[in-house]
Amino acid sequence: MSVTKIENTSDLDAFLKSKDILVIHFYAPWAEQCTQMNELIDDLSTKDSYKGIKFAKVEAEEAPELSIKYKVSAVPEIIFVKNSDVIDRVTGAHPAVLGEKLKKYLTQPVESTLTKTKPLSGDERLKQLINQAKCMLFMKGNPQAPRCGFSRTITGILDGLNIDYQTFDILEDNDVREGLKKFSNWPTYPQLYLDGELLGGLDIVKEMKENGELEEMLPKKS
């Protein structure tokens, strides 16, 4: 079965009529990790072992009303839906985690998992966002359109070193913007994280670049 392309609310409503377990991938075409997850989902949708699951994809930036509906603040984000209820999600490019959850919902009743699924607390959501990529930058705007000089400078440094990183626009989510300041005890932006740990802001990144540490530590684009 092919992967359904959802572009608007009408497409979503039609897809949600299915009684199967639904897996919806929110992606951005410019993100390499999203491309990888789309390819994986395309492959899974053809396998007989996943006949009880229907797959769909949504280009998050082209369907903001759907991203808001499902609280998608970063991509890739994969949500599991049953009877119009979100029962689980995978944030970031984690094929193994996706595979485990697919097997779980194919082998046990969804009703039993629904009672165990709890909303993420503020700190849990921040941890999830911080760990969605090995190198994660929380900034104002995005690398294509930074919305402050500090963010423009730090993305210029990372791009100049060919660093493989993902970003989160803190201007789009005030809970993240204010919560991350307290969570990491760092009052300003941008903030750069490696393997879930805060490296620092622009001044520290500049200093690490000058002494050669930054290029050695951060992952490079293939």
N, C-alpha and C. Protein backbone atom coordinates (compact mmCIF):
# COMPACT_ATOMS: atom_id res chain seq x y z
N MET A 1 0.85 -1.20 0.00
CA MET A 1 0.00 0.00 0.00
C MET A 1 0.88 1.25 0.00
N SER A 2 0.52 2.22 -0.80
CA SER A 2 1.33 3.43 -0.91
C SER A 2 1.11 4.34 0.30
N VAL A 3 2.03 5.27 0.48
CA VAL A 3 1.93 6.25 1.57
C VAL A 3 1.02 7.39 1.12
N THR A 4 0.05 7.73 1.95
CA THR A 4 -0.90 8.79 1.63
C THR A 4 -0.27 10.16 1.84
N LYS A 5 -0.45 11.05 0.88
CA LYS A 5 0.03 12.42 1.03
C LYS A 5 -1.12 13.28 1.56
N ILE A 6 -0.92 13.86 2.74
CA ILE A 6 -1.93 14.72 3.36
C ILE A 6 -1.49 16.17 3.22
N GLU A 7 -2.35 16.99 2.60
CA GLU A 7 -2.00 18.39 2.35
C GLU A 7 -2.88 19.38 3.10
N ASN A 8 -4.03 18.91 3.59
CA ASN A 8 -4.96 19.84 4.24
C ASN A 8 -5.88 19.07 5.18
N THR A 9 -6.80 19.80 5.82
CA THR A 9 -7.69 19.19 6.79
C THR A 9 -8.62 18.17 6.16
N SER A 10 -9.04 18.43 4.93
CA SER A 10 -9.93 17.47 4.25
C SER A 10 -9.23 16.14 4.02
N ASP A 11 -7.98 16.22 3.58
CA ASP A 11 -7.20 14.99 3.39
C ASP A 11 -7.06 14.23 4.70
N LEU A 12 -6.80 14.98 5.79
CA LEU A 12 -6.63 14.34 7.09
C LEU A 12 -7.92 13.67 7.54
N ASP A 13 -9.04 14.35 7.40
CA ASP A 13 -10.32 13.80 7.83
C ASP A 13 -10.61 12.49 7.10
N ALA A 14 -10.30 12.45 5.82
CA ALA A 14 -10.52 11.22 5.04
C ALA A 14 -9.61 10.09 5.53
N PHE A 15 -8.38 10.44 5.84
CA PHE A 15 -7.43 9.43 6.32
C PHE A 15 -7.82 8.89 7.69
N LEU A 16 -8.34 9.75 8.54
CA LEU A 16 -8.69 9.36 9.91
C LEU A 16 -9.91 8.44 9.97
N LYS A 17 -10.64 8.30 8.88
CA LYS A 17 -11.81 7.41 8.86
C LYS A 17 -11.41 5.95 8.97
N SER A 18 -10.17 5.64 8.66
CA SER A 18 -9.70 4.26 8.73
C SER A 18 -9.69 3.78 10.18
N LYS A 19 -10.01 2.51 10.38
CA LYS A 19 -9.98 1.90 11.70
C LYS A 19 -8.63 1.29 12.03
N ASP A 20 -7.70 1.35 11.06
CA ASP A 20 -6.36 0.82 11.28
C ASP A 20 -5.56 1.75 12.18
N ILE A 21 -4.39 1.29 12.60
CA ILE A 21 -3.44 2.17 13.26
C ILE A 21 -2.83 3.06 12.19
N LEU A 22 -2.81 4.35 12.42
CA LEU A 22 -2.34 5.32 11.44
C LEU A 22 -1.01 5.91 11.89
N VAL A 23 -0.07 5.98 10.98
CA VAL A 23 1.25 6.54 11.26
C VAL A 23 1.45 7.73 10.32
N ILE A 24 1.59 8.92 10.87
CA ILE A 24 1.69 10.14 10.08
C ILE A 24 3.04 10.80 10.32
N HIS A 25 3.78 11.00 9.25
CA HIS A 25 5.12 11.60 9.33
C HIS A 25 5.05 13.08 8.94
N PHE A 26 5.36 13.96 9.86
CA PHE A 26 5.49 15.38 9.58
C PHE A 26 6.96 15.64 9.23
N TYR A 27 7.17 16.21 8.03
CA TYR A 27 8.54 16.33 7.53
C TYR A 27 8.76 17.68 6.85
N ALA A 28 10.03 17.95 6.55
CA ALA A 28 10.40 19.10 5.73
C ALA A 28 11.33 18.59 4.63
N PRO A 29 11.10 18.95 3.37
CA PRO A 29 11.90 18.40 2.26
C PRO A 29 13.37 18.80 2.32
N TRP A 30 13.70 19.89 3.04
CA TRP A 30 15.08 20.34 3.09
C TRP A 30 15.89 19.62 4.17
N ALA A 31 15.24 18.83 5.01
CA ALA A 31 15.92 18.17 6.12
C ALA A 31 16.32 16.75 5.72
N GLU A 32 17.61 16.47 5.76
CA GLU A 32 18.12 15.16 5.35
C GLU A 32 17.53 14.04 6.19
N GLN A 33 17.38 14.27 7.49
CA GLN A 33 16.83 13.23 8.35
C GLN A 33 15.38 12.91 8.00
N CYS A 34 14.63 13.91 7.55
CA CYS A 34 13.25 13.67 7.11
C CYS A 34 13.23 12.81 5.86
N THR A 35 14.15 13.07 4.96
CA THR A 35 14.24 12.27 3.73
C THR A 35 14.51 10.81 4.07
N GLN A 36 15.39 10.58 5.02
CA GLN A 36 15.70 9.21 5.44
C GLN A 36 14.48 8.52 6.02
N MET A 37 13.73 9.24 6.85
CA MET A 37 12.55 8.64 7.47
C MET A 37 11.44 8.43 6.44
N ASN A 38 11.32 9.33 5.47
CA ASN A 38 10.34 9.13 4.40
C ASN A 38 10.66 7.88 3.59
N GLU A 39 11.93 7.68 3.30
CA GLU A 39 12.34 6.48 2.54
C GLU A 39 12.04 5.22 3.34
N LEU A 40 12.27 5.28 4.65
CA LEU A 40 11.96 4.13 5.49
C LEU A 40 10.47 3.82 5.49
N ILE A 41 9.65 4.87 5.63
CA ILE A 41 8.21 4.68 5.66
C ILE A 41 7.70 4.16 4.32
N ASP A 42 8.26 4.67 3.22
CA ASP A 42 7.90 4.16 1.90
C ASP A 42 8.14 2.66 1.81
N ASP A 43 9.28 2.23 2.36
CA ASP A 43 9.64 0.80 2.34
C ASP A 43 8.71 -0.01 3.24
N LEU A 44 8.45 0.48 4.45
CA LEU A 44 7.60 -0.26 5.38
C LEU A 44 6.19 -0.44 4.84
N SER A 45 5.71 0.56 4.12
CA SER A 45 4.32 0.52 3.63
C SER A 45 4.10 -0.59 2.60
N THR A 46 5.18 -1.12 2.05
CA THR A 46 5.06 -2.18 1.03
C THR A 46 5.15 -3.58 1.63
N LYS A 47 5.46 -3.68 2.90
CA LYS A 47 5.70 -4.99 3.52
C LYS A 47 4.41 -5.59 4.09
N ASP A 48 4.21 -6.87 3.85
CA ASP A 48 3.01 -7.56 4.32
C ASP A 48 2.89 -7.55 5.84
N SER A 49 4.03 -7.52 6.53
CA SER A 49 4.00 -7.58 8.00
C SER A 49 3.38 -6.33 8.63
N TYR A 50 3.21 -5.26 7.82
CA TYR A 50 2.63 -4.03 8.36
C TYR A 50 1.26 -3.72 7.74
N LYS A 51 0.54 -4.77 7.36
CA LYS A 51 -0.76 -4.57 6.72
C LYS A 51 -1.78 -3.94 7.65
N GLY A 52 -1.60 -4.07 8.95
CA GLY A 52 -2.55 -3.48 9.88
C GLY A 52 -2.29 -2.02 10.18
N ILE A 53 -1.35 -1.43 9.44
CA ILE A 53 -0.98 -0.03 9.68
C ILE A 53 -1.04 0.73 8.35
N LYS A 54 -1.57 1.94 8.41
CA LYS A 54 -1.57 2.81 7.23
C LYS A 54 -0.64 3.99 7.49
N PHE A 55 0.13 4.34 6.46
CA PHE A 55 1.13 5.39 6.58
C PHE A 55 0.74 6.63 5.77
N ALA A 56 1.11 7.79 6.30
CA ALA A 56 0.86 9.05 5.59
C ALA A 56 1.99 10.01 5.91
N LYS A 57 2.11 11.05 5.09
CA LYS A 57 3.11 12.08 5.35
C LYS A 57 2.52 13.46 5.11
N VAL A 58 3.02 14.41 5.90
CA VAL A 58 2.56 15.80 5.82
C VAL A 58 3.78 16.71 5.76
N GLU A 59 3.83 17.59 4.76
CA GLU A 59 4.90 18.58 4.73
C GLU A 59 4.53 19.66 5.74
N ALA A 60 5.22 19.65 6.87
CA ALA A 60 4.79 20.43 8.04
C ALA A 60 4.63 21.92 7.75
N GLU A 61 5.57 22.51 7.03
CA GLU A 61 5.52 23.95 6.79
C GLU A 61 4.43 24.35 5.81
N GLU A 62 3.97 23.38 4.99
CA GLU A 62 2.91 23.67 4.03
C GLU A 62 1.52 23.42 4.61
N ALA A 63 1.47 22.81 5.78
CA ALA A 63 0.18 22.55 6.42
C ALA A 63 0.27 22.95 7.90
N PRO A 64 0.47 24.25 8.17
CA PRO A 64 0.68 24.69 9.56
C PRO A 64 -0.49 24.37 10.48
N GLU A 65 -1.70 24.35 9.93
CA GLU A 65 -2.85 24.07 10.79
C GLU A 65 -2.80 22.64 11.32
N LEU A 66 -2.24 21.73 10.53
CA LEU A 66 -2.11 20.34 10.98
C LEU A 66 -0.95 20.19 11.97
N SER A 67 0.11 20.94 11.73
CA SER A 67 1.24 20.92 12.67
C SER A 67 0.81 21.43 14.04
N ILE A 68 0.00 22.49 14.04
CA ILE A 68 -0.50 23.04 15.30
C ILE A 68 -1.44 22.05 15.98
N LYS A 69 -2.31 21.44 15.19
CA LYS A 69 -3.28 20.48 15.73
C LYS A 69 -2.59 19.36 16.50
N TYR A 70 -1.48 18.88 15.94
CA TYR A 70 -0.79 17.75 16.56
C TYR A 70 0.47 18.16 17.32
N LYS A 71 0.60 19.45 17.58
CA LYS A 71 1.69 19.98 18.41
C LYS A 71 3.06 19.57 17.87
N VAL A 72 3.20 19.69 16.57
CA VAL A 72 4.48 19.38 15.93
C VAL A 72 5.30 20.67 15.89
N SER A 73 6.40 20.69 16.63
CA SER A 73 7.23 21.88 16.70
C SER A 73 8.60 21.68 16.07
N ALA A 74 8.90 20.46 15.65
CA ALA A 74 10.18 20.16 15.00
C ALA A 74 9.98 18.93 14.13
N VAL A 75 10.83 18.79 13.13
CA VAL A 75 10.75 17.63 12.24
C VAL A 75 12.11 16.93 12.19
N PRO A 76 12.10 15.61 11.90
CA PRO A 76 10.94 14.75 11.67
C PRO A 76 10.17 14.44 12.95
N GLU A 77 8.85 14.35 12.80
CA GLU A 77 7.96 13.99 13.90
C GLU A 77 6.95 12.99 13.36
N ILE A 78 6.86 11.84 14.00
CA ILE A 78 5.95 10.79 13.55
C ILE A 78 4.95 10.53 14.66
N ILE A 79 3.66 10.63 14.33
CA ILE A 79 2.62 10.39 15.33
C ILE A 79 1.84 9.12 14.98
N PHE A 80 1.40 8.44 16.02
CA PHE A 80 0.57 7.25 15.88
C PHE A 80 -0.86 7.63 16.28
N VAL A 81 -1.81 7.28 15.45
CA VAL A 81 -3.21 7.66 15.69
C VAL A 81 -4.09 6.42 15.60
N LYS A 82 -5.04 6.32 16.51
CA LYS A 82 -6.05 5.26 16.47
C LYS A 82 -7.38 5.86 16.87
N ASN A 83 -8.40 5.69 16.03
CA ASN A 83 -9.73 6.25 16.30
C ASN A 83 -9.65 7.75 16.58
N SER A 84 -8.82 8.44 15.80
CA SER A 84 -8.63 9.90 15.85
C SER A 84 -7.87 10.38 17.09
N ASP A 85 -7.40 9.47 17.94
CA ASP A 85 -6.64 9.84 19.12
C ASP A 85 -5.15 9.58 18.89
N VAL A 86 -4.31 10.53 19.30
CA VAL A 86 -2.86 10.31 19.24
C VAL A 86 -2.48 9.36 20.38
N ILE A 87 -1.87 8.23 20.03
CA ILE A 87 -1.51 7.25 21.05
C ILE A 87 -0.01 7.20 21.31
N ASP A 88 0.78 7.78 20.40
CA ASP A 88 2.23 7.75 20.60
C ASP A 88 2.88 8.65 19.57
N ARG A 89 4.18 8.91 19.72
CA ARG A 89 4.91 9.67 18.73
C ARG A 89 6.39 9.38 18.83
N VAL A 90 7.10 9.65 17.73
CA VAL A 90 8.56 9.54 17.68
C VAL A 90 9.09 10.88 17.17
N THR A 91 9.87 11.56 17.98
CA THR A 91 10.45 12.84 17.60
C THR A 91 11.90 12.63 17.18
N GLY A 92 12.25 13.07 15.98
CA GLY A 92 13.61 12.89 15.48
C GLY A 92 13.71 11.66 14.60
N ALA A 93 14.89 11.48 13.99
CA ALA A 93 15.13 10.37 13.08
C ALA A 93 15.64 9.17 13.89
N HIS A 94 14.71 8.31 14.29
CA HIS A 94 15.06 7.15 15.10
C HIS A 94 14.39 5.90 14.51
N PRO A 95 14.96 5.33 13.46
CA PRO A 95 14.35 4.16 12.81
C PRO A 95 14.10 3.00 13.76
N ALA A 96 15.05 2.73 14.66
CA ALA A 96 14.89 1.60 15.57
C ALA A 96 13.71 1.81 16.51
N VAL A 97 13.56 3.04 17.01
CA VAL A 97 12.44 3.35 17.91
C VAL A 97 11.12 3.21 17.16
N LEU A 98 11.08 3.70 15.92
CA LEU A 98 9.88 3.57 15.11
C LEU A 98 9.52 2.10 14.92
N GLY A 99 10.52 1.28 14.61
CA GLY A 99 10.28 -0.15 14.42
C GLY A 99 9.73 -0.82 15.66
N GLU A 100 10.26 -0.46 16.82
CA GLU A 100 9.79 -1.05 18.07
C GLU A 100 8.34 -0.68 18.34
N LYS A 101 7.99 0.57 18.10
CA LYS A 101 6.62 1.00 18.36
C LYS A 101 5.64 0.36 17.37
N LEU A 102 6.05 0.21 16.12
CA LEU A 102 5.18 -0.44 15.14
C LEU A 102 4.88 -1.87 15.57
N LYS A 103 5.91 -2.59 16.00
CA LYS A 103 5.71 -3.98 16.44
C LYS A 103 4.82 -4.03 17.68
N LYS A 104 5.01 -3.06 18.58
CA LYS A 104 4.20 -3.03 19.80
C LYS A 104 2.72 -2.89 19.48
N TYR A 105 2.38 -1.99 18.58
CA TYR A 105 0.97 -1.75 18.30
C TYR A 105 0.36 -2.81 17.40
N LEU A 106 1.21 -3.61 16.76
CA LEU A 106 0.69 -4.73 15.97
C LEU A 106 0.44 -5.96 16.82
N THR A 107 1.07 -6.02 18.01
CA THR A 107 1.00 -7.23 18.82
C THR A 107 0.21 -7.08 20.11
N GLN A 108 -0.18 -5.86 20.48
CA GLN A 108 -0.98 -5.71 21.68
C GLN A 108 -2.11 -4.73 21.45
N PRO A 109 -3.23 -4.89 22.15
CA PRO A 109 -4.38 -4.01 21.93
C PRO A 109 -4.04 -2.55 22.20
N VAL A 110 -4.51 -1.68 21.33
CA VAL A 110 -4.24 -0.26 21.49
C VAL A 110 -4.85 0.26 22.79
N GLU A 111 -5.99 -0.30 23.20
CA GLU A 111 -6.66 0.19 24.39
C GLU A 111 -5.74 0.11 25.62
N SER A 112 -4.91 -0.94 25.69
CA SER A 112 -4.04 -1.09 26.84
C SER A 112 -2.92 -0.08 26.83
N THR A 113 -2.51 0.36 25.64
CA THR A 113 -1.44 1.35 25.56
C THR A 113 -1.98 2.75 25.78
N LEU A 114 -3.23 2.97 25.44
CA LEU A 114 -3.81 4.30 25.62
C LEU A 114 -3.82 4.69 27.10
N THR A 115 -4.08 3.74 27.98
CA THR A 115 -4.14 4.07 29.39
C THR A 115 -2.76 4.39 29.96
N LYS A 116 -1.71 3.95 29.25
CA LYS A 116 -0.36 4.17 29.74
C LYS A 116 0.26 5.44 29.16
N THR A 117 -0.32 5.96 28.10
CA THR A 117 0.27 7.11 27.42
C THR A 117 -0.11 8.40 28.15
N LYS A 118 0.88 9.13 28.62
CA LYS A 118 0.63 10.36 29.36
C LYS A 118 1.23 11.54 28.60
N PRO A 119 0.64 12.70 28.71
CA PRO A 119 1.24 13.88 28.07
C PRO A 119 2.64 14.14 28.62
N LEU A 120 3.50 14.62 27.76
CA LEU A 120 4.85 14.95 28.19
C LEU A 120 4.83 16.17 29.11
N SER A 121 5.61 16.13 30.17
CA SER A 121 5.78 17.31 31.00
C SER A 121 6.66 18.31 30.26
N GLY A 122 6.74 19.53 30.80
CA GLY A 122 7.57 20.55 30.14
C GLY A 122 9.01 20.12 29.99
N ASP A 123 9.61 19.60 31.07
CA ASP A 123 11.01 19.17 31.01
C ASP A 123 11.20 17.97 30.09
N GLU A 124 10.23 17.05 30.08
CA GLU A 124 10.34 15.88 29.21
C GLU A 124 10.32 16.30 27.74
N ARG A 125 9.48 17.28 27.43
CA ARG A 125 9.43 17.75 26.05
C ARG A 125 10.73 18.44 25.66
N LEU A 126 11.29 19.23 26.58
CA LEU A 126 12.57 19.89 26.30
C LEU A 126 13.67 18.87 26.07
N LYS A 127 13.71 17.84 26.90
CA LYS A 127 14.72 16.78 26.72
C LYS A 127 14.56 16.12 25.36
N GLN A 128 13.31 15.89 24.96
CA GLN A 128 13.05 15.25 23.68
C GLN A 128 13.52 16.13 22.53
N LEU A 129 13.26 17.42 22.62
CA LEU A 129 13.70 18.34 21.57
C LEU A 129 15.22 18.43 21.51
N ILE A 130 15.85 18.52 22.68
CA ILE A 130 17.30 18.64 22.73
C ILE A 130 17.98 17.42 22.12
N ASN A 131 17.36 16.25 22.30
CA ASN A 131 17.98 15.00 21.85
C ASN A 131 17.48 14.52 20.50
N GLN A 132 16.73 15.36 19.78
CA GLN A 132 16.22 14.89 18.50
C GLN A 132 17.30 14.84 17.42
N ALA A 133 18.45 15.45 17.68
CA ALA A 133 19.59 15.36 16.76
C ALA A 133 20.86 15.39 17.59
N LYS A 134 21.93 14.82 17.07
CA LYS A 134 23.20 14.80 17.80
C LYS A 134 23.66 16.22 18.10
N CYS A 135 23.51 17.11 17.12
CA CYS A 135 23.87 18.52 17.29
C CYS A 135 22.62 19.35 17.07
N MET A 136 22.19 20.07 18.10
CA MET A 136 20.91 20.78 18.07
C MET A 136 21.12 22.25 18.43
N LEU A 137 20.60 23.14 17.59
CA LEU A 137 20.72 24.58 17.81
C LEU A 137 19.34 25.19 18.04
N PHE A 138 19.18 25.85 19.17
CA PHE A 138 17.96 26.61 19.45
C PHE A 138 18.26 28.07 19.14
N MET A 139 17.53 28.63 18.19
CA MET A 139 17.86 29.94 17.65
C MET A 139 16.59 30.73 17.36
N LYS A 140 16.77 31.96 16.92
CA LYS A 140 15.65 32.79 16.47
C LYS A 140 15.60 32.72 14.95
N GLY A 141 14.51 32.14 14.43
CA GLY A 141 14.40 31.92 12.99
C GLY A 141 14.98 30.57 12.62
N ASN A 142 15.46 30.47 11.40
CA ASN A 142 16.07 29.23 10.92
C ASN A 142 17.30 29.58 10.09
N PRO A 143 18.13 28.59 9.72
CA PRO A 143 19.36 28.92 8.99
C PRO A 143 19.13 29.68 7.69
N GLN A 144 17.98 29.44 7.05
CA GLN A 144 17.69 30.15 5.80
C GLN A 144 17.22 31.58 6.06
N ALA A 145 16.64 31.81 7.22
CA ALA A 145 16.14 33.15 7.55
C ALA A 145 16.31 33.43 9.04
N PRO A 146 17.54 33.67 9.49
CA PRO A 146 17.78 33.99 10.91
C PRO A 146 17.06 35.29 11.27
N ARG A 147 16.59 35.38 12.51
CA ARG A 147 15.82 36.55 12.93
C ARG A 147 16.54 37.37 14.00
N CYS A 148 17.85 37.17 14.10
CA CYS A 148 18.68 38.06 14.91
C CYS A 148 20.13 37.88 14.47
N GLY A 149 20.95 38.87 14.74
CA GLY A 149 22.34 38.82 14.30
C GLY A 149 23.13 37.69 14.92
N PHE A 150 22.86 37.39 16.19
CA PHE A 150 23.58 36.31 16.86
C PHE A 150 23.27 34.97 16.21
N SER A 151 22.00 34.76 15.88
CA SER A 151 21.61 33.50 15.23
C SER A 151 22.23 33.41 13.84
N ARG A 152 22.27 34.53 13.13
CA ARG A 152 22.88 34.54 11.80
C ARG A 152 24.37 34.20 11.88
N THR A 153 25.04 34.74 12.88
CA THR A 153 26.47 34.49 13.03
C THR A 153 26.77 33.04 13.37
N ILE A 154 26.00 32.46 14.30
CA ILE A 154 26.30 31.09 14.72
C ILE A 154 25.99 30.08 13.62
N THR A 155 24.91 30.29 12.85
CA THR A 155 24.65 29.38 11.74
C THR A 155 25.71 29.53 10.66
N GLY A 156 26.22 30.74 10.50
CA GLY A 156 27.31 30.94 9.54
C GLY A 156 28.55 30.16 9.93
N ILE A 157 28.85 30.14 11.24
CA ILE A 157 30.00 29.37 11.74
C ILE A 157 29.79 27.88 11.48
N LEU A 158 28.62 27.37 11.85
CA LEU A 158 28.34 25.94 11.69
C LEU A 158 28.32 25.52 10.22
N ASP A 159 27.70 26.35 9.38
CA ASP A 159 27.66 26.03 7.96
C ASP A 159 29.06 26.10 7.34
N GLY A 160 29.85 27.06 7.81
CA GLY A 160 31.21 27.19 7.30
C GLY A 160 32.08 26.00 7.61
N LEU A 161 31.77 25.31 8.72
CA LEU A 161 32.52 24.10 9.10
C LEU A 161 31.86 22.83 8.60
N ASN A 162 30.77 22.98 7.81
CA ASN A 162 30.03 21.84 7.25
C ASN A 162 29.48 20.93 8.36
N ILE A 163 28.98 21.54 9.42
CA ILE A 163 28.46 20.79 10.55
C ILE A 163 27.05 20.27 10.25
N ASP A 164 26.79 19.04 10.67
CA ASP A 164 25.47 18.43 10.52
C ASP A 164 24.66 18.75 11.78
N TYR A 165 23.69 19.63 11.66
CA TYR A 165 22.92 20.06 12.83
C TYR A 165 21.47 20.32 12.45
N GLN A 166 20.60 20.30 13.46
CA GLN A 166 19.21 20.69 13.28
C GLN A 166 18.92 21.90 14.16
N THR A 167 17.85 22.60 13.83
CA THR A 167 17.52 23.82 14.57
C THR A 167 16.07 23.81 15.05
N PHE A 168 15.83 24.63 16.05
CA PHE A 168 14.48 24.87 16.54
C PHE A 168 14.30 26.37 16.69
N ASP A 169 13.22 26.89 16.12
CA ASP A 169 12.94 28.33 16.18
C ASP A 169 12.19 28.64 17.47
N ILE A 170 12.89 29.23 18.44
CA ILE A 170 12.28 29.49 19.75
C ILE A 170 11.23 30.60 19.70
N LEU A 171 11.21 31.37 18.61
CA LEU A 171 10.18 32.41 18.46
C LEU A 171 8.82 31.82 18.13
N GLU A 172 8.79 30.55 17.72
CA GLU A 172 7.54 29.90 17.35
C GLU A 172 6.89 29.20 18.54
N ASP A 173 7.59 29.10 19.67
CA ASP A 173 7.04 28.37 20.81
C ASP A 173 7.54 29.02 22.10
N ASN A 174 6.69 29.80 22.73
CA ASN A 174 7.10 30.54 23.92
C ASN A 174 7.38 29.62 25.10
N ASP A 175 6.69 28.47 25.17
CA ASP A 175 6.95 27.52 26.26
C ASP A 175 8.39 27.01 26.19
N VAL A 176 8.84 26.71 24.98
CA VAL A 176 10.22 26.26 24.81
C VAL A 176 11.18 27.42 25.06
N ARG A 177 10.84 28.58 24.54
CA ARG A 177 11.71 29.75 24.68
C ARG A 177 11.99 30.07 26.14
N GLU A 178 10.95 30.09 26.96
CA GLU A 178 11.12 30.42 28.37
C GLU A 178 11.59 29.22 29.19
N GLY A 179 11.08 28.05 28.85
CA GLY A 179 11.42 26.85 29.61
C GLY A 179 12.87 26.45 29.48
N LEU A 180 13.44 26.61 28.29
CA LEU A 180 14.82 26.18 28.07
C LEU A 180 15.81 27.05 28.85
N LYS A 181 15.45 28.31 29.06
CA LYS A 181 16.32 29.19 29.85
C LYS A 181 16.51 28.63 31.25
N LYS A 182 15.42 28.18 31.86
CA LYS A 182 15.48 27.64 33.21
C LYS A 182 16.07 26.23 33.20
N PHE A 183 15.67 25.44 32.22
CA PHE A 183 16.10 24.04 32.16
C PHE A 183 17.63 23.93 32.07
N SER A 184 18.24 24.79 31.25
CA SER A 184 19.68 24.73 31.05
C SER A 184 20.44 25.81 31.81
N ASN A 185 19.70 26.64 32.55
CA ASN A 185 20.32 27.72 33.31
C ASN A 185 21.18 28.60 32.40
N TRP A 186 20.61 28.94 31.24
CA TRP A 186 21.31 29.78 30.25
C TRP A 186 20.29 30.79 29.72
N PRO A 187 20.43 32.06 30.02
CA PRO A 187 19.34 33.02 29.81
C PRO A 187 19.19 33.56 28.38
N THR A 188 20.14 33.29 27.51
CA THR A 188 20.10 33.93 26.18
C THR A 188 20.11 32.89 25.06
N TYR A 189 19.84 33.38 23.85
CA TYR A 189 19.88 32.56 22.64
C TYR A 189 20.78 33.23 21.62
N PRO A 190 21.37 32.40 20.74
CA PRO A 190 21.17 30.96 20.51
C PRO A 190 21.84 30.10 21.57
N GLN A 191 21.40 28.81 21.60
CA GLN A 191 21.99 27.79 22.47
C GLN A 191 22.33 26.57 21.62
N LEU A 192 23.55 26.07 21.76
CA LEU A 192 23.99 24.92 20.97
C LEU A 192 24.20 23.71 21.88
N TYR A 193 23.63 22.57 21.46
CA TYR A 193 23.70 21.34 22.25
C TYR A 193 24.39 20.24 21.44
N LEU A 194 25.15 19.40 22.14
CA LEU A 194 25.78 18.23 21.53
C LEU A 194 25.48 17.03 22.41
N ASP A 195 24.88 16.00 21.81
CA ASP A 195 24.51 14.77 22.54
C ASP A 195 23.70 15.09 23.79
N GLY A 196 22.79 16.07 23.67
CA GLY A 196 21.90 16.41 24.78
C GLY A 196 22.48 17.32 25.84
N GLU A 197 23.74 17.75 25.65
CA GLU A 197 24.39 18.60 26.63
C GLU A 197 24.65 19.99 26.04
N LEU A 198 24.42 21.02 26.85
CA LEU A 198 24.62 22.40 26.39
C LEU A 198 26.11 22.70 26.23
N LEU A 199 26.48 23.15 25.01
CA LEU A 199 27.84 23.64 24.79
C LEU A 199 27.94 25.12 25.18
N GLY A 200 26.92 25.90 24.84
CA GLY A 200 26.92 27.32 25.18
C GLY A 200 26.29 28.15 24.09
N GLY A 201 26.51 29.46 24.20
CA GLY A 201 25.97 30.40 23.23
C GLY A 201 27.02 30.83 22.23
N LEU A 202 26.77 31.96 21.57
CA LEU A 202 27.62 32.40 20.47
C LEU A 202 29.05 32.66 20.92
N ASP A 203 29.27 33.33 22.04
CA ASP A 203 30.62 33.65 22.48
C ASP A 203 31.46 32.39 22.70
N ILE A 204 30.86 31.39 23.33
CA ILE A 204 31.58 30.14 23.58
C ILE A 204 31.85 29.41 22.27
N VAL A 205 30.87 29.41 21.37
CA VAL A 205 31.06 28.76 20.07
C VAL A 205 32.19 29.44 19.29
N LYS A 206 32.23 30.76 19.33
CA LYS A 206 33.32 31.48 18.67
C LYS A 206 34.67 31.09 19.25
N GLU A 207 34.73 31.03 20.58
CA GLU A 207 35.99 30.69 21.25
C GLU A 207 36.42 29.27 20.89
N MET A 208 35.47 28.33 20.88
CA MET A 208 35.79 26.95 20.54
C MET A 208 36.24 26.82 19.09
N LYS A 209 35.66 27.63 18.22
CA LYS A 209 36.07 27.61 16.81
C LYS A 209 37.51 28.11 16.68
N GLU A 210 37.83 29.17 17.39
CA GLU A 210 39.16 29.76 17.29
C GLU A 210 40.26 28.83 17.80
N ASN A 211 39.95 28.03 18.83
CA ASN A 211 40.98 27.13 19.34
C ASN A 211 40.91 25.72 18.74
N GLY A 212 40.02 25.54 17.75
CA GLY A 212 39.97 24.28 17.02
C GLY A 212 39.10 23.19 17.65
N GLU A 213 38.52 23.46 18.81
CA GLU A 213 37.71 22.44 19.49
C GLU A 213 36.41 22.14 18.75
N LEU A 214 35.78 23.18 18.23
CA LEU A 214 34.44 23.04 17.66
C LEU A 214 34.42 22.05 16.51
N GLU A 215 35.34 22.20 15.58
CA GLU A 215 35.36 21.34 14.40
C GLU A 215 35.64 19.89 14.76
N GLU A 216 36.43 19.69 15.81
CA GLU A 216 36.77 18.33 16.24
C GLU A 216 35.57 17.64 16.91
N MET A 217 34.76 18.42 17.64
CA MET A 217 33.69 17.84 18.43
C MET A 217 32.42 17.55 17.65
N LEU A 218 32.05 18.44 16.73
CA LEU A 218 30.72 18.37 16.12
C LEU A 218 30.70 17.46 14.89
N PRO A 219 29.56 16.83 14.63
CA PRO A 219 29.45 15.91 13.48
C PRO A 219 29.45 16.69 12.16
N LYS A 220 30.03 16.10 11.15
CA LYS A 220 30.09 16.71 9.84
C LYS A 220 29.00 16.13 8.92
N LYS A 221 28.54 16.94 8.00
CA LYS A 221 27.61 16.44 6.98
C LYS A 221 28.34 15.47 6.07
N SER A 222 27.64 14.43 5.67
CA SER A 222 28.26 13.44 4.79
C SER A 222 28.34 14.00 3.38
